[in-house]
Amino acid sequence: MTRRDIEAGTPAGDLALFMVGLVRGATVRELEARFGRSSSTWGNYLNGSQLVPKLLLGSLVEAYTALWSGRNAKALRVNERTLTTES
């Protein structure tokens, strides 16, 4: 498997960097088992070559963020990034 560099400074790249930090080292197979989608698709999400669907992104934030007010702030930032990339 070829490892791709994340293109920081692009909407997809910035979102991928956020997600990599969010899932804290979870493997694509672990993400596949927990949230569905193929491991290849997870690889594409995490390297920025494909945007993660908004609902799935929300599930990731809920699963990997502690239950406190920081979760809401993180979810809002993610939502803003997603809306920006969809425009």
C-alpha atoms as a PDB file:
ATOM      1  CA  MET A   1       0.000   0.000   0.000  1.00  0.00           C
ATOM      2  CA  THR A   2       1.303   3.452  -0.921  1.00  0.00           C
ATOM      3  CA  ARG A   3       1.179   6.138   1.705  1.00  0.00           C
ATOM      4  CA  ARG A   4       0.116   9.564   0.423  1.00  0.00           C
ATOM      5  CA  ASP A   5       1.091  12.872   1.937  1.00  0.00           C
ATOM      6  CA  ILE A   6      -1.770  15.056   3.090  1.00  0.00           C
ATOM      7  CA  GLU A   7      -1.941  18.302   1.153  1.00  0.00           C
ATOM      8  CA  ALA A   8      -2.254  20.851   3.970  1.00  0.00           C
ATOM      9  CA  GLY A   9      -3.811  24.182   3.099  1.00  0.00           C
ATOM     10  CA  THR A  10      -6.589  22.659   1.014  1.00  0.00           C
ATOM     11  CA  PRO A  11     -10.079  22.063   2.440  1.00  0.00           C
ATOM     12  CA  ALA A  12      -9.823  18.281   1.999  1.00  0.00           C
ATOM     13  CA  GLY A  13      -6.271  18.212   3.349  1.00  0.00           C
ATOM     14  CA  ASP A  14      -7.107  20.325   6.387  1.00  0.00           C
ATOM     15  CA  LEU A  15     -10.108  18.127   7.136  1.00  0.00           C
ATOM     16  CA  ALA A  16      -7.948  15.010   6.765  1.00  0.00           C
ATOM     17  CA  LEU A  17      -5.357  16.414   9.182  1.00  0.00           C
ATOM     18  CA  PHE A  18      -8.126  17.154  11.661  1.00  0.00           C
ATOM     19  CA  MET A  19      -9.492  13.607  11.339  1.00  0.00           C
ATOM     20  CA  VAL A  20      -6.065  11.990  11.713  1.00  0.00           C
ATOM     21  CA  GLY A  21      -5.610  13.897  14.970  1.00  0.00           C
ATOM     22  CA  LEU A  22      -9.148  13.069  16.050  1.00  0.00           C
ATOM     23  CA  VAL A  23      -8.947   9.293  15.646  1.00  0.00           C
ATOM     24  CA  ARG A  24      -5.548   9.164  17.380  1.00  0.00           C
ATOM     25  CA  GLY A  25      -3.939   6.303  15.518  1.00  0.00           C
ATOM     26  CA  ALA A  26      -6.960   4.102  14.870  1.00  0.00           C
ATOM     27  CA  THR A  27      -6.304   1.894  11.866  1.00  0.00           C
ATOM     28  CA  VAL A  28      -8.454   2.006   8.758  1.00  0.00           C
ATOM     29  CA  ARG A  29      -9.600  -1.526   9.562  1.00  0.00           C
ATOM     30  CA  GLU A  30     -10.707  -0.428  13.043  1.00  0.00           C
ATOM     31  CA  LEU A  31     -12.608   2.511  11.538  1.00  0.00           C
ATOM     32  CA  GLU A  32     -14.163   0.184   8.943  1.00  0.00           C
ATOM     33  CA  ALA A  33     -15.347  -2.194  11.664  1.00  0.00           C
ATOM     34  CA  ARG A  34     -16.720   0.581  13.854  1.00  0.00           C
ATOM     35  CA  PHE A  35     -18.305   2.938  11.308  1.00  0.00           C
ATOM     36  CA  GLY A  36     -18.685   0.963   8.072  1.00  0.00           C
ATOM     37  CA  ARG A  37     -17.212   1.896   4.683  1.00  0.00           C
ATOM     38  CA  SER A  38     -14.233   0.004   3.255  1.00  0.00           C
ATOM     39  CA  SER A  39     -10.695   0.345   4.556  1.00  0.00           C
ATOM     40  CA  SER A  40      -9.729   1.850   1.167  1.00  0.00           C
ATOM     41  CA  THR A  41     -12.385   4.517   1.580  1.00  0.00           C
ATOM     42  CA  TRP A  42     -11.116   5.281   5.088  1.00  0.00           C
ATOM     43  CA  GLY A  43      -7.619   5.599   3.658  1.00  0.00           C
ATOM     44  CA  ASN A  44      -8.960   8.119   1.140  1.00  0.00           C
ATOM     45  CA  TYR A  45     -10.718  10.092   3.883  1.00  0.00           C
ATOM     46  CA  LEU A  46      -7.593  10.174   6.043  1.00  0.00           C
ATOM     47  CA  ASN A  47      -5.238  11.231   3.265  1.00  0.00           C
ATOM     48  CA  GLY A  48      -7.522  13.964   1.948  1.00  0.00           C
ATOM     49  CA  SER A  49      -8.226  12.499  -1.466  1.00  0.00           C
ATOM     50  CA  GLN A  50     -11.924  12.089  -0.634  1.00  0.00           C
ATOM     51  CA  LEU A  51     -14.172  14.150   1.642  1.00  0.00           C
ATOM     52  CA  VAL A  52     -15.862  12.317   4.487  1.00  0.00           C
ATOM     53  CA  PRO A  53     -19.680  12.616   4.462  1.00  0.00           C
ATOM     54  CA  LYS A  54     -20.982  15.113   7.004  1.00  0.00           C
ATOM     55  CA  LEU A  55     -23.023  12.585   9.018  1.00  0.00           C
ATOM     56  CA  LEU A  56     -20.069  10.231   9.283  1.00  0.00           C
ATOM     57  CA  LEU A  57     -17.846  13.112  10.347  1.00  0.00           C
ATOM     58  CA  GLY A  58     -20.329  13.940  13.108  1.00  0.00           C
ATOM     59  CA  SER A  59     -20.221  10.326  14.280  1.00  0.00           C
ATOM     60  CA  LEU A  60     -16.420  10.457  14.405  1.00  0.00           C
ATOM     61  CA  VAL A  61     -16.460  13.639  16.474  1.00  0.00           C
ATOM     62  CA  GLU A  62     -18.965  12.120  18.901  1.00  0.00           C
ATOM     63  CA  ALA A  63     -17.021   8.860  19.199  1.00  0.00           C
ATOM     64  CA  TYR A  64     -13.563  10.377  19.645  1.00  0.00           C
ATOM     65  CA  THR A  65     -14.298  13.496  21.689  1.00  0.00           C
ATOM     66  CA  ALA A  66     -14.944  13.535  25.420  1.00  0.00           C
ATOM     67  CA  LEU A  67     -18.499  14.322  26.455  1.00  0.00           C
ATOM     68  CA  TRP A  68     -18.193  17.949  27.542  1.00  0.00           C
ATOM     69  CA  SER A  69     -18.577  21.383  26.022  1.00  0.00           C
ATOM     70  CA  GLY A  70     -15.381  20.948  23.985  1.00  0.00           C
ATOM     71  CA  ARG A  71     -17.220  18.419  21.849  1.00  0.00           C
ATOM     72  CA  ASN A  72     -19.702  21.055  20.764  1.00  0.00           C
ATOM     73  CA  ALA A  73     -16.944  23.508  19.856  1.00  0.00           C
ATOM     74  CA  LYS A  74     -15.073  20.833  17.885  1.00  0.00           C
ATOM     75  CA  ALA A  75     -18.260  19.790  16.083  1.00  0.00           C
ATOM     76  CA  LEU A  76     -18.963  23.390  15.102  1.00  0.00           C
ATOM     77  CA  ARG A  77     -15.447  23.838  13.692  1.00  0.00           C
ATOM     78  CA  VAL A  78     -15.769  20.624  11.700  1.00  0.00           C
ATOM     79  CA  ASN A  79     -19.181  21.666  10.413  1.00  0.00           C
ATOM     80  CA  GLU A  80     -17.769  25.028   9.288  1.00  0.00           C
ATOM     81  CA  ARG A  81     -14.957  23.258   7.400  1.00  0.00           C
ATOM     82  CA  THR A  82     -17.406  20.891   5.763  1.00  0.00           C
ATOM     83  CA  LEU A  83     -19.720  23.695   4.697  1.00  0.00           C
ATOM     84  CA  THR A  84     -16.768  25.594   3.274  1.00  0.00           C
ATOM     85  CA  THR A  85     -15.622  22.597   1.229  1.00  0.00           C
ATOM     86  CA  GLU A  86     -19.135  21.920  -0.089  1.00  0.00           C
ATOM     87  CA  SER A  87     -19.536  25.471  -1.387  1.00  0.00           C
END
